[in-house]
Structure formats: structure tokens, C-alpha cells
Amino acid sequence: DIPLKEVDAIAKMVPDVLNIKLDDALKQE
């Protein structure tokens, strides 16, 4: 139940890399 705007902003921080995993995303960004 986190506001959509906040969730969307978080999701967009994930690097645009094919099949990237969350652990790798946290390291890269």
C-alpha cells in the first residue's frame, strides 16, 4: 500500500539491463 508515485520512482531507479536481479541493481544504483 505504498503510494504509486513513490513505487514508480523506485522501480525506475533499476538499471535498464536485461534480466538484472535485485541484488545486482542495488549494487549498481
mmCIF file of all heavy atoms, coordinates in Angstrom:
data_MODEL
# 
_entry.id   MODEL 
# 
loop_
_atom_site.group_PDB 
_atom_site.id 
_atom_site.type_symbol 
_atom_site.label_atom_id 
_atom_site.label_alt_id 
_atom_site.label_comp_id 
_atom_site.label_asym_id 
_atom_site.label_entity_id 
_atom_site.label_seq_id 
_atom_site.pdbx_PDB_ins_code 
_atom_site.Cartn_x 
_atom_site.Cartn_y 
_atom_site.Cartn_z 
_atom_site.occupancy 
_atom_site.B_iso_or_equiv 
_atom_site.pdbx_formal_charge 
_atom_site.auth_seq_id 
_atom_site.auth_comp_id 
_atom_site.auth_asym_id 
_atom_site.auth_atom_id 
_atom_site.pdbx_PDB_model_num 
ATOM 1   N N   . ASP A 1 1  ? 0.821  -1.218  0.000   1.00 0.00 ? 1  ASP A N   1 
ATOM 2   C CA  . ASP A 1 1  ? 0.000  0.000   0.000   1.00 0.00 ? 1  ASP A CA  1 
ATOM 3   C C   . ASP A 1 1  ? 0.854  1.268   0.000   1.00 0.00 ? 1  ASP A C   1 
ATOM 4   O O   . ASP A 1 1  ? 0.504  2.279   0.610   1.00 0.00 ? 1  ASP A O   1 
ATOM 5   C CB  . ASP A 1 1  ? -0.950 0.007   1.209   1.00 0.00 ? 1  ASP A CB  1 
ATOM 6   C CG  . ASP A 1 1  ? -2.217 0.810   0.930   1.00 0.00 ? 1  ASP A CG  1 
ATOM 7   O OD1 . ASP A 1 1  ? -2.481 1.096   -0.258  1.00 0.00 ? 1  ASP A OD1 1 
ATOM 8   O OD2 . ASP A 1 1  ? -2.935 1.146   1.883   1.00 0.00 ? 1  ASP A OD2 1 
ATOM 9   N N   . ILE A 1 2  ? 2.001  1.205   -0.681  1.00 0.00 ? 2  ILE A N   1 
ATOM 10  C CA  . ILE A 1 2  ? 2.863  2.374   -0.829  1.00 0.00 ? 2  ILE A CA  1 
ATOM 11  C C   . ILE A 1 2  ? 2.329  3.196   -2.003  1.00 0.00 ? 2  ILE A C   1 
ATOM 12  O O   . ILE A 1 2  ? 1.926  2.629   -3.019  1.00 0.00 ? 2  ILE A O   1 
ATOM 13  C CB  . ILE A 1 2  ? 4.320  1.937   -1.092  1.00 0.00 ? 2  ILE A CB  1 
ATOM 14  C CG1 . ILE A 1 2  ? 4.848  1.141   0.104   1.00 0.00 ? 2  ILE A CG1 1 
ATOM 15  C CG2 . ILE A 1 2  ? 5.216  3.128   -1.375  1.00 0.00 ? 2  ILE A CG2 1 
ATOM 16  C CD1 . ILE A 1 2  ? 6.198  0.502   -0.120  1.00 0.00 ? 2  ILE A CD1 1 
ATOM 17  N N   . PRO A 1 3  ? 2.288  4.516   -1.887  1.00 0.00 ? 3  PRO A N   1 
ATOM 18  C CA  . PRO A 1 3  ? 1.745  5.342   -2.979  1.00 0.00 ? 3  PRO A CA  1 
ATOM 19  C C   . PRO A 1 3  ? 2.382  5.023   -4.324  1.00 0.00 ? 3  PRO A C   1 
ATOM 20  O O   . PRO A 1 3  ? 3.601  4.823   -4.423  1.00 0.00 ? 3  PRO A O   1 
ATOM 21  C CB  . PRO A 1 3  ? 2.070  6.772   -2.533  1.00 0.00 ? 3  PRO A CB  1 
ATOM 22  C CG  . PRO A 1 3  ? 2.123  6.680   -1.040  1.00 0.00 ? 3  PRO A CG  1 
ATOM 23  C CD  . PRO A 1 3  ? 2.685  5.326   -0.728  1.00 0.00 ? 3  PRO A CD  1 
ATOM 24  N N   . LEU A 1 4  ? 1.566  4.977   -5.369  1.00 0.00 ? 4  LEU A N   1 
ATOM 25  C CA  . LEU A 1 4  ? 2.002  4.581   -6.703  1.00 0.00 ? 4  LEU A CA  1 
ATOM 26  C C   . LEU A 1 4  ? 3.158  5.449   -7.196  1.00 0.00 ? 4  LEU A C   1 
ATOM 27  O O   . LEU A 1 4  ? 4.103  4.955   -7.808  1.00 0.00 ? 4  LEU A O   1 
ATOM 28  C CB  . LEU A 1 4  ? 0.825  4.661   -7.678  1.00 0.00 ? 4  LEU A CB  1 
ATOM 29  C CG  . LEU A 1 4  ? 1.117  4.309   -9.140  1.00 0.00 ? 4  LEU A CG  1 
ATOM 30  C CD1 . LEU A 1 4  ? 1.626  2.878   -9.238  1.00 0.00 ? 4  LEU A CD1 1 
ATOM 31  C CD2 . LEU A 1 4  ? -0.132 4.500   -9.987  1.00 0.00 ? 4  LEU A CD2 1 
ATOM 32  N N   . LYS A 1 5  ? 3.104  6.752   -6.935  1.00 0.00 ? 5  LYS A N   1 
ATOM 33  C CA  . LYS A 1 5  ? 4.142  7.666   -7.398  1.00 0.00 ? 5  LYS A CA  1 
ATOM 34  C C   . LYS A 1 5  ? 5.503  7.286   -6.812  1.00 0.00 ? 5  LYS A C   1 
ATOM 35  O O   . LYS A 1 5  ? 6.526  7.282   -7.508  1.00 0.00 ? 5  LYS A O   1 
ATOM 36  C CB  . LYS A 1 5  ? 3.776  9.100   -7.011  1.00 0.00 ? 5  LYS A CB  1 
ATOM 37  C CG  . LYS A 1 5  ? 4.730  10.158  -7.557  1.00 0.00 ? 5  LYS A CG  1 
ATOM 38  C CD  . LYS A 1 5  ? 4.255  11.559  -7.194  1.00 0.00 ? 5  LYS A CD  1 
ATOM 39  C CE  . LYS A 1 5  ? 5.200  12.621  -7.747  1.00 0.00 ? 5  LYS A CE  1 
ATOM 40  N NZ  . LYS A 1 5  ? 4.757  13.994  -7.380  1.00 0.00 ? 5  LYS A NZ  1 
ATOM 41  N N   . GLU A 1 6  ? 5.490  6.928   -5.534  1.00 0.00 ? 6  GLU A N   1 
ATOM 42  C CA  . GLU A 1 6  ? 6.744  6.553   -4.869  1.00 0.00 ? 6  GLU A CA  1 
ATOM 43  C C   . GLU A 1 6  ? 7.270  5.219   -5.406  1.00 0.00 ? 6  GLU A C   1 
ATOM 44  O O   . GLU A 1 6  ? 8.463  5.060   -5.657  1.00 0.00 ? 6  GLU A O   1 
ATOM 45  C CB  . GLU A 1 6  ? 6.491  6.447   -3.359  1.00 0.00 ? 6  GLU A CB  1 
ATOM 46  C CG  . GLU A 1 6  ? 7.745  6.218   -2.546  1.00 0.00 ? 6  GLU A CG  1 
ATOM 47  C CD  . GLU A 1 6  ? 7.463  6.194   -1.054  1.00 0.00 ? 6  GLU A CD  1 
ATOM 48  O OE1 . GLU A 1 6  ? 6.404  6.710   -0.637  1.00 0.00 ? 6  GLU A OE1 1 
ATOM 49  O OE2 . GLU A 1 6  ? 8.301  5.635   -0.313  1.00 0.00 ? 6  GLU A OE2 1 
ATOM 50  N N   . VAL A 1 7  ? 6.352  4.261   -5.591  1.00 0.00 ? 7  VAL A N   1 
ATOM 51  C CA  . VAL A 1 7  ? 6.743  2.938   -6.119  1.00 0.00 ? 7  VAL A CA  1 
ATOM 52  C C   . VAL A 1 7  ? 7.317  3.082   -7.520  1.00 0.00 ? 7  VAL A C   1 
ATOM 53  O O   . VAL A 1 7  ? 8.336  2.467   -7.859  1.00 0.00 ? 7  VAL A O   1 
ATOM 54  C CB  . VAL A 1 7  ? 5.531  1.980   -6.135  1.00 0.00 ? 7  VAL A CB  1 
ATOM 55  C CG1 . VAL A 1 7  ? 5.897  0.679   -6.851  1.00 0.00 ? 7  VAL A CG1 1 
ATOM 56  C CG2 . VAL A 1 7  ? 5.059  1.697   -4.724  1.00 0.00 ? 7  VAL A CG2 1 
ATOM 57  N N   . ASP A 1 8  ? 6.673  3.897   -8.338  1.00 0.00 ? 8  ASP A N   1 
ATOM 58  C CA  . ASP A 1 8  ? 7.119  4.092   -9.708  1.00 0.00 ? 8  ASP A CA  1 
ATOM 59  C C   . ASP A 1 8  ? 8.516  4.706   -9.749  1.00 0.00 ? 8  ASP A C   1 
ATOM 60  O O   . ASP A 1 8  ? 9.366  4.322   -10.553 1.00 0.00 ? 8  ASP A O   1 
ATOM 61  C CB  . ASP A 1 8  ? 6.120  4.983   -10.451 1.00 0.00 ? 8  ASP A CB  1 
ATOM 62  C CG  . ASP A 1 8  ? 6.353  4.972   -11.956 1.00 0.00 ? 8  ASP A CG  1 
ATOM 63  O OD1 . ASP A 1 8  ? 6.432  3.865   -12.521 1.00 0.00 ? 8  ASP A OD1 1 
ATOM 64  O OD2 . ASP A 1 8  ? 6.464  6.047   -12.554 1.00 0.00 ? 8  ASP A OD2 1 
ATOM 65  N N   . ALA A 1 9  ? 8.764  5.654   -8.857  1.00 0.00 ? 9  ALA A N   1 
ATOM 66  C CA  . ALA A 1 9  ? 10.080 6.298   -8.797  1.00 0.00 ? 9  ALA A CA  1 
ATOM 67  C C   . ALA A 1 9  ? 11.157 5.288   -8.409  1.00 0.00 ? 9  ALA A C   1 
ATOM 68  O O   . ALA A 1 9  ? 12.263 5.290   -8.959  1.00 0.00 ? 9  ALA A O   1 
ATOM 69  C CB  . ALA A 1 9  ? 10.050 7.451   -7.786  1.00 0.00 ? 9  ALA A CB  1 
ATOM 70  N N   . ILE A 1 10 ? 10.821 4.394   -7.479  1.00 0.00 ? 10 ILE A N   1 
ATOM 71  C CA  . ILE A 1 10 ? 11.785 3.361   -7.063  1.00 0.00 ? 10 ILE A CA  1 
ATOM 72  C C   . ILE A 1 10 ? 12.052 2.401   -8.217  1.00 0.00 ? 10 ILE A C   1 
ATOM 73  O O   . ILE A 1 10 ? 13.195 2.061   -8.512  1.00 0.00 ? 10 ILE A O   1 
ATOM 74  C CB  . ILE A 1 10 ? 11.252 2.589   -5.837  1.00 0.00 ? 10 ILE A CB  1 
ATOM 75  C CG1 . ILE A 1 10 ? 11.140 3.531   -4.624  1.00 0.00 ? 10 ILE A CG1 1 
ATOM 76  C CG2 . ILE A 1 10 ? 12.155 1.401   -5.506  1.00 0.00 ? 10 ILE A CG2 1 
ATOM 77  C CD1 . ILE A 1 10 ? 10.414 2.934   -3.439  1.00 0.00 ? 10 ILE A CD1 1 
ATOM 78  N N   . ALA A 1 11 ? 10.980 1.956   -8.881  1.00 0.00 ? 11 ALA A N   1 
ATOM 79  C CA  . ALA A 1 11 ? 11.123 0.992   -9.988  1.00 0.00 ? 11 ALA A CA  1 
ATOM 80  C C   . ALA A 1 11 ? 11.984 1.562   -11.105 1.00 0.00 ? 11 ALA A C   1 
ATOM 81  O O   . ALA A 1 11 ? 12.780 0.839   -11.720 1.00 0.00 ? 11 ALA A O   1 
ATOM 82  C CB  . ALA A 1 11 ? 9.752  0.603   -10.508 1.00 0.00 ? 11 ALA A CB  1 
ATOM 83  N N   . LYS A 1 12 ? 11.845 2.862   -11.366 1.00 0.00 ? 12 LYS A N   1 
ATOM 84  C CA  . LYS A 1 12 ? 12.605 3.475   -12.457 1.00 0.00 ? 12 LYS A CA  1 
ATOM 85  C C   . LYS A 1 12 ? 14.093 3.610   -12.136 1.00 0.00 ? 12 LYS A C   1 
ATOM 86  O O   . LYS A 1 12 ? 14.896 3.877   -13.030 1.00 0.00 ? 12 LYS A O   1 
ATOM 87  C CB  . LYS A 1 12 ? 12.011 4.841   -12.791 1.00 0.00 ? 12 LYS A CB  1 
ATOM 88  C CG  . LYS A 1 12 ? 10.682 4.737   -13.547 1.00 0.00 ? 12 LYS A CG  1 
ATOM 89  C CD  . LYS A 1 12 ? 10.091 6.094   -13.858 1.00 0.00 ? 12 LYS A CD  1 
ATOM 90  C CE  . LYS A 1 12 ? 8.789  5.950   -14.657 1.00 0.00 ? 12 LYS A CE  1 
ATOM 91  N NZ  . LYS A 1 12 ? 8.147  7.253   -14.927 1.00 0.00 ? 12 LYS A NZ  1 
ATOM 92  N N   . MET A 1 13 ? 14.467 3.457   -10.866 1.00 0.00 ? 13 MET A N   1 
ATOM 93  C CA  . MET A 1 13 ? 15.883 3.500   -10.499 1.00 0.00 ? 13 MET A CA  1 
ATOM 94  C C   . MET A 1 13 ? 16.626 2.233   -10.907 1.00 0.00 ? 13 MET A C   1 
ATOM 95  O O   . MET A 1 13 ? 17.857 2.217   -10.995 1.00 0.00 ? 13 MET A O   1 
ATOM 96  C CB  . MET A 1 13 ? 16.033 3.676   -8.983  1.00 0.00 ? 13 MET A CB  1 
ATOM 97  C CG  . MET A 1 13 ? 15.644 5.038   -8.467  1.00 0.00 ? 13 MET A CG  1 
ATOM 98  S SD  . MET A 1 13 ? 15.955 5.093   -6.688  1.00 0.00 ? 13 MET A SD  1 
ATOM 99  C CE  . MET A 1 13 ? 15.055 6.577   -6.253  1.00 0.00 ? 13 MET A CE  1 
ATOM 100 N N   . VAL A 1 14 ? 15.881 1.153   -11.158 1.00 0.00 ? 14 VAL A N   1 
ATOM 101 C CA  . VAL A 1 14 ? 16.520 -0.112  -11.537 1.00 0.00 ? 14 VAL A CA  1 
ATOM 102 C C   . VAL A 1 14 ? 17.217 0.079   -12.880 1.00 0.00 ? 14 VAL A C   1 
ATOM 103 O O   . VAL A 1 14 ? 16.591 0.516   -13.852 1.00 0.00 ? 14 VAL A O   1 
ATOM 104 C CB  . VAL A 1 14 ? 15.481 -1.249  -11.636 1.00 0.00 ? 14 VAL A CB  1 
ATOM 105 C CG1 . VAL A 1 14 ? 16.136 -2.532  -12.162 1.00 0.00 ? 14 VAL A CG1 1 
ATOM 106 C CG2 . VAL A 1 14 ? 14.839 -1.495  -10.279 1.00 0.00 ? 14 VAL A CG2 1 
ATOM 107 N N   . PRO A 1 15 ? 18.513 -0.210  -12.973 1.00 0.00 ? 15 PRO A N   1 
ATOM 108 C CA  . PRO A 1 15 ? 19.238 -0.036  -14.240 1.00 0.00 ? 15 PRO A CA  1 
ATOM 109 C C   . PRO A 1 15 ? 18.570 -0.799  -15.379 1.00 0.00 ? 15 PRO A C   1 
ATOM 110 O O   . PRO A 1 15 ? 18.054 -1.911  -15.175 1.00 0.00 ? 15 PRO A O   1 
ATOM 111 C CB  . PRO A 1 15 ? 20.630 -0.612  -13.930 1.00 0.00 ? 15 PRO A CB  1 
ATOM 112 C CG  . PRO A 1 15 ? 20.767 -0.458  -12.446 1.00 0.00 ? 15 PRO A CG  1 
ATOM 113 C CD  . PRO A 1 15 ? 19.397 -0.668  -11.887 1.00 0.00 ? 15 PRO A CD  1 
ATOM 114 N N   . ASP A 1 16 ? 18.579 -0.204  -16.549 1.00 0.00 ? 16 ASP A N   1 
ATOM 115 C CA  . ASP A 1 16 ? 17.912 -0.795  -17.715 1.00 0.00 ? 16 ASP A CA  1 
ATOM 116 C C   . ASP A 1 16 ? 18.820 -1.856  -18.341 1.00 0.00 ? 16 ASP A C   1 
ATOM 117 O O   . ASP A 1 16 ? 19.380 -1.683  -19.418 1.00 0.00 ? 16 ASP A O   1 
ATOM 118 C CB  . ASP A 1 16 ? 17.576 0.305   -18.734 1.00 0.00 ? 16 ASP A CB  1 
ATOM 119 C CG  . ASP A 1 16 ? 16.657 -0.206  -19.831 1.00 0.00 ? 16 ASP A CG  1 
ATOM 120 O OD1 . ASP A 1 16 ? 16.066 -1.293  -19.645 1.00 0.00 ? 16 ASP A OD1 1 
ATOM 121 O OD2 . ASP A 1 16 ? 16.515 0.470   -20.868 1.00 0.00 ? 16 ASP A OD2 1 
ATOM 122 N N   . VAL A 1 17 ? 18.953 -2.962  -17.627 1.00 0.00 ? 17 VAL A N   1 
ATOM 123 C CA  . VAL A 1 17 ? 19.800 -4.083  -18.059 1.00 0.00 ? 17 VAL A CA  1 
ATOM 124 C C   . VAL A 1 17 ? 18.927 -5.330  -18.114 1.00 0.00 ? 17 VAL A C   1 
ATOM 125 O O   . VAL A 1 17 ? 18.160 -5.600  -17.185 1.00 0.00 ? 17 VAL A O   1 
ATOM 126 C CB  . VAL A 1 17 ? 20.975 -4.304  -17.084 1.00 0.00 ? 17 VAL A CB  1 
ATOM 127 C CG1 . VAL A 1 17 ? 21.811 -5.504  -17.519 1.00 0.00 ? 17 VAL A CG1 1 
ATOM 128 C CG2 . VAL A 1 17 ? 21.833 -3.054  -16.988 1.00 0.00 ? 17 VAL A CG2 1 
ATOM 129 N N   . LEU A 1 18 ? 19.052 -6.098  -19.176 1.00 0.00 ? 18 LEU A N   1 
ATOM 130 C CA  . LEU A 1 18 ? 18.221 -7.280  -19.377 1.00 0.00 ? 18 LEU A CA  1 
ATOM 131 C C   . LEU A 1 18 ? 18.417 -8.285  -18.236 1.00 0.00 ? 18 LEU A C   1 
ATOM 132 O O   . LEU A 1 18 ? 19.527 -8.634  -17.881 1.00 0.00 ? 18 LEU A O   1 
ATOM 133 C CB  . LEU A 1 18 ? 18.556 -7.937  -20.720 1.00 0.00 ? 18 LEU A CB  1 
ATOM 134 C CG  . LEU A 1 18 ? 17.682 -9.114  -21.141 1.00 0.00 ? 18 LEU A CG  1 
ATOM 135 C CD1 . LEU A 1 18 ? 16.251 -8.663  -21.395 1.00 0.00 ? 18 LEU A CD1 1 
ATOM 136 C CD2 . LEU A 1 18 ? 18.252 -9.788  -22.385 1.00 0.00 ? 18 LEU A CD2 1 
ATOM 137 N N   . ASN A 1 19 ? 17.296 -8.745  -17.658 1.00 0.00 ? 19 ASN A N   1 
ATOM 138 C CA  . ASN A 1 19 ? 17.284 -9.790  -16.623 1.00 0.00 ? 19 ASN A CA  1 
ATOM 139 C C   . ASN A 1 19 ? 18.119 -9.449  -15.395 1.00 0.00 ? 19 ASN A C   1 
ATOM 140 O O   . ASN A 1 19 ? 18.641 -10.345 -14.722 1.00 0.00 ? 19 ASN A O   1 
ATOM 141 C CB  . ASN A 1 19 ? 17.765 -11.127 -17.202 1.00 0.00 ? 19 ASN A CB  1 
ATOM 142 C CG  . ASN A 1 19 ? 16.805 -11.681 -18.237 1.00 0.00 ? 19 ASN A CG  1 
ATOM 143 O OD1 . ASN A 1 19 ? 15.599 -11.454 -18.163 1.00 0.00 ? 19 ASN A OD1 1 
ATOM 144 N ND2 . ASN A 1 19 ? 17.334 -12.404 -19.220 1.00 0.00 ? 19 ASN A ND2 1 
ATOM 145 N N   . ILE A 1 20 ? 18.240 -8.173  -15.088 1.00 0.00 ? 20 ILE A N   1 
ATOM 146 C CA  . ILE A 1 20 ? 19.008 -7.789  -13.908 1.00 0.00 ? 20 ILE A CA  1 
ATOM 147 C C   . ILE A 1 20 ? 18.283 -8.240  -12.644 1.00 0.00 ? 20 ILE A C   1 
ATOM 148 O O   . ILE A 1 20 ? 17.053 -8.183  -12.554 1.00 0.00 ? 20 ILE A O   1 
ATOM 149 C CB  . ILE A 1 20 ? 19.258 -6.262  -13.875 1.00 0.00 ? 20 ILE A CB  1 
ATOM 150 C CG1 . ILE A 1 20 ? 20.265 -5.932  -12.782 1.00 0.00 ? 20 ILE A CG1 1 
ATOM 151 C CG2 . ILE A 1 20 ? 17.951 -5.489  -13.673 1.00 0.00 ? 20 ILE A CG2 1 
ATOM 152 C CD1 . ILE A 1 20 ? 20.762 -4.503  -12.812 1.00 0.00 ? 20 ILE A CD1 1 
ATOM 153 N N   . LYS A 1 21 ? 19.042 -8.731  -11.672 1.00 0.00 ? 21 LYS A N   1 
ATOM 154 C CA  . LYS A 1 21 ? 18.472 -9.164  -10.406 1.00 0.00 ? 21 LYS A CA  1 
ATOM 155 C C   . LYS A 1 21 ? 18.534 -8.024  -9.401  1.00 0.00 ? 21 LYS A C   1 
ATOM 156 O O   . LYS A 1 21 ? 19.345 -7.113  -9.525  1.00 0.00 ? 21 LYS A O   1 
ATOM 157 C CB  . LYS A 1 21 ? 19.216 -10.391 -9.879  1.00 0.00 ? 21 LYS A CB  1 
ATOM 158 C CG  . LYS A 1 21 ? 19.038 -11.618 -10.774 1.00 0.00 ? 21 LYS A CG  1 
ATOM 159 C CD  . LYS A 1 21 ? 19.732 -12.829 -10.183 1.00 0.00 ? 21 LYS A CD  1 
ATOM 160 C CE  . LYS A 1 21 ? 19.504 -14.046 -11.065 1.00 0.00 ? 21 LYS A CE  1 
ATOM 161 N NZ  . LYS A 1 21 ? 20.176 -15.256 -10.511 1.00 0.00 ? 21 LYS A NZ  1 
ATOM 162 N N   . LEU A 1 22 ? 17.681 -8.127  -8.392  1.00 0.00 ? 22 LEU A N   1 
ATOM 163 C CA  . LEU A 1 22 ? 17.569 -7.031  -7.427  1.00 0.00 ? 22 LEU A CA  1 
ATOM 164 C C   . LEU A 1 22 ? 18.901 -6.776  -6.713  1.00 0.00 ? 22 LEU A C   1 
ATOM 165 O O   . LEU A 1 22 ? 19.295 -5.625  -6.517  1.00 0.00 ? 22 LEU A O   1 
ATOM 166 C CB  . LEU A 1 22 ? 16.465 -7.346  -6.409  1.00 0.00 ? 22 LEU A CB  1 
ATOM 167 C CG  . LEU A 1 22 ? 16.098 -6.217  -5.446  1.00 0.00 ? 22 LEU A CG  1 
ATOM 168 C CD1 . LEU A 1 22 ? 15.708 -4.959  -6.204  1.00 0.00 ? 22 LEU A CD1 1 
ATOM 169 C CD2 . LEU A 1 22 ? 14.962 -6.653  -4.531  1.00 0.00 ? 22 LEU A CD2 1 
ATOM 170 N N   . ASP A 1 23 ? 19.608 -7.853  -6.332  1.00 0.00 ? 23 ASP A N   1 
ATOM 171 C CA  . ASP A 1 23 ? 20.898 -7.673  -5.646  1.00 0.00 ? 23 ASP A CA  1 
ATOM 172 C C   . ASP A 1 23 ? 21.874 -6.886  -6.506  1.00 0.00 ? 23 ASP A C   1 
ATOM 173 O O   . ASP A 1 23 ? 22.599 -6.013  -6.014  1.00 0.00 ? 23 ASP A O   1 
ATOM 174 C CB  . ASP A 1 23 ? 21.490 -9.036  -5.291  1.00 0.00 ? 23 ASP A CB  1 
ATOM 175 C CG  . ASP A 1 23 ? 20.736 -9.717  -4.151  1.00 0.00 ? 23 ASP A CG  1 
ATOM 176 O OD1 . ASP A 1 23 ? 19.978 -9.004  -3.460  1.00 0.00 ? 23 ASP A OD1 1 
ATOM 177 O OD2 . ASP A 1 23 ? 20.891 -10.931 -3.986  1.00 0.00 ? 23 ASP A OD2 1 
ATOM 178 N N   . ASP A 1 24 ? 21.902 -7.214  -7.817  1.00 0.00 ? 24 ASP A N   1 
ATOM 179 C CA  . ASP A 1 24 ? 22.806 -6.505  -8.731  1.00 0.00 ? 24 ASP A CA  1 
ATOM 180 C C   . ASP A 1 24 ? 22.354 -5.062  -8.921  1.00 0.00 ? 24 ASP A C   1 
ATOM 181 O O   . ASP A 1 24 ? 23.186 -4.152  -9.025  1.00 0.00 ? 24 ASP A O   1 
ATOM 182 C CB  . ASP A 1 24 ? 22.853 -7.232  -10.076 1.00 0.00 ? 24 ASP A CB  1 
ATOM 183 C CG  . ASP A 1 24 ? 23.451 -8.618  -9.975  1.00 0.00 ? 24 ASP A CG  1 
ATOM 184 O OD1 . ASP A 1 24 ? 24.332 -8.802  -9.102  1.00 0.00 ? 24 ASP A OD1 1 
ATOM 185 O OD2 . ASP A 1 24 ? 23.025 -9.514  -10.730 1.00 0.00 ? 24 ASP A OD2 1 
ATOM 186 N N   . ALA A 1 25 ? 21.038 -4.854  -8.978  1.00 0.00 ? 25 ALA A N   1 
ATOM 187 C CA  . ALA A 1 25 ? 20.517 -3.496  -9.124  1.00 0.00 ? 25 ALA A CA  1 
ATOM 188 C C   . ALA A 1 25 ? 20.916 -2.617  -7.937  1.00 0.00 ? 25 ALA A C   1 
ATOM 189 O O   . ALA A 1 25 ? 21.261 -1.449  -8.094  1.00 0.00 ? 25 ALA A O   1 
ATOM 190 C CB  . ALA A 1 25 ? 18.999 -3.533  -9.282  1.00 0.00 ? 25 ALA A CB  1 
ATOM 191 N N   . LEU A 1 26 ? 20.873 -3.192  -6.749  1.00 0.00 ? 26 LEU A N   1 
ATOM 192 C CA  . LEU A 1 26 ? 21.245 -2.439  -5.538  1.00 0.00 ? 26 LEU A CA  1 
ATOM 193 C C   . LEU A 1 26 ? 22.718 -2.035  -5.571  1.00 0.00 ? 26 LEU A C   1 
ATOM 194 O O   . LEU A 1 26 ? 23.097 -0.965  -5.101  1.00 0.00 ? 26 LEU A O   1 
ATOM 195 C CB  . LEU A 1 26 ? 20.965 -3.285  -4.298  1.00 0.00 ? 26 LEU A CB  1 
ATOM 196 C CG  . LEU A 1 26 ? 19.477 -3.522  -3.974  1.00 0.00 ? 26 LEU A CG  1 
ATOM 197 C CD1 . LEU A 1 26 ? 19.329 -4.584  -2.889  1.00 0.00 ? 26 LEU A CD1 1 
ATOM 198 C CD2 . LEU A 1 26 ? 18.812 -2.225  -3.524  1.00 0.00 ? 26 LEU A CD2 1 
ATOM 199 N N   . LYS A 1 27 ? 23.568 -2.926  -6.131  1.00 0.00 ? 27 LYS A N   1 
ATOM 200 C CA  . LYS A 1 27 ? 24.990 -2.618  -6.218  1.00 0.00 ? 27 LYS A CA  1 
ATOM 201 C C   . LYS A 1 27 ? 25.264 -1.536  -7.262  1.00 0.00 ? 27 LYS A C   1 
ATOM 202 O O   . LYS A 1 27 ? 26.124 -0.673  -7.070  1.00 0.00 ? 27 LYS A O   1 
ATOM 203 C CB  . LYS A 1 27 ? 25.780 -3.877  -6.572  1.00 0.00 ? 27 LYS A CB  1 
ATOM 204 C CG  . LYS A 1 27 ? 25.779 -4.923  -5.467  1.00 0.00 ? 27 LYS A CG  1 
ATOM 205 C CD  . LYS A 1 27 ? 26.435 -6.217  -5.944  1.00 0.00 ? 27 LYS A CD  1 
ATOM 206 C CE  . LYS A 1 27 ? 26.330 -7.313  -4.895  1.00 0.00 ? 27 LYS A CE  1 
ATOM 207 N NZ  . LYS A 1 27 ? 26.855 -8.601  -5.398  1.00 0.00 ? 27 LYS A NZ  1 
ATOM 208 N N   . GLN A 1 28 ? 24.516 -1.583  -8.382  1.00 0.00 ? 28 GLN A N   1 
ATOM 209 C CA  . GLN A 1 28 ? 24.795 -0.676  -9.484  1.00 0.00 ? 28 GLN A CA  1 
ATOM 210 C C   . GLN A 1 28 ? 24.192 0.719   -9.268  1.00 0.00 ? 28 GLN A C   1 
ATOM 211 O O   . GLN A 1 28 ? 24.679 1.683   -9.828  1.00 0.00 ? 28 GLN A O   1 
ATOM 212 C CB  . GLN A 1 28 ? 24.244 -1.272  -10.800 1.00 0.00 ? 28 GLN A CB  1 
ATOM 213 C CG  . GLN A 1 28 ? 24.993 -2.501  -11.267 1.00 0.00 ? 28 GLN A CG  1 
ATOM 214 C CD  . GLN A 1 28 ? 24.502 -2.991  -12.620 1.00 0.00 ? 28 GLN A CD  1 
ATOM 215 O OE1 . GLN A 1 28 ? 24.052 -2.202  -13.460 1.00 0.00 ? 28 GLN A OE1 1 
ATOM 216 N NE2 . GLN A 1 28 ? 24.571 -4.302  -12.844 1.00 0.00 ? 28 GLN A NE2 1 
ATOM 217 N N   . GLU A 1 29 ? 23.131 0.789   -8.483  1.00 0.00 ? 29 GLU A N   1 
ATOM 218 C CA  . GLU A 1 29 ? 22.460 2.077   -8.299  1.00 0.00 ? 29 GLU A CA  1 
ATOM 219 C C   . GLU A 1 29 ? 22.348 2.407   -6.804  1.00 0.00 ? 29 GLU A C   1 
ATOM 220 O O   . GLU A 1 29 ? 21.439 1.931   -6.108  1.00 0.00 ? 29 GLU A O   1 
ATOM 221 C CB  . GLU A 1 29 ? 21.065 2.048   -8.943  1.00 0.00 ? 29 GLU A CB  1 
ATOM 222 C CG  . GLU A 1 29 ? 20.274 3.345   -8.773  1.00 0.00 ? 29 GLU A CG  1 
ATOM 223 C CD  . GLU A 1 29 ? 21.074 4.575   -9.132  1.00 0.00 ? 29 GLU A CD  1 
ATOM 224 O OE1 . GLU A 1 29 ? 21.289 4.794   -10.340 1.00 0.00 ? 29 GLU A OE1 1 
ATOM 225 O OE2 . GLU A 1 29 ? 21.478 5.298   -8.203  1.00 0.00 ? 29 GLU A OE2 1 
# 
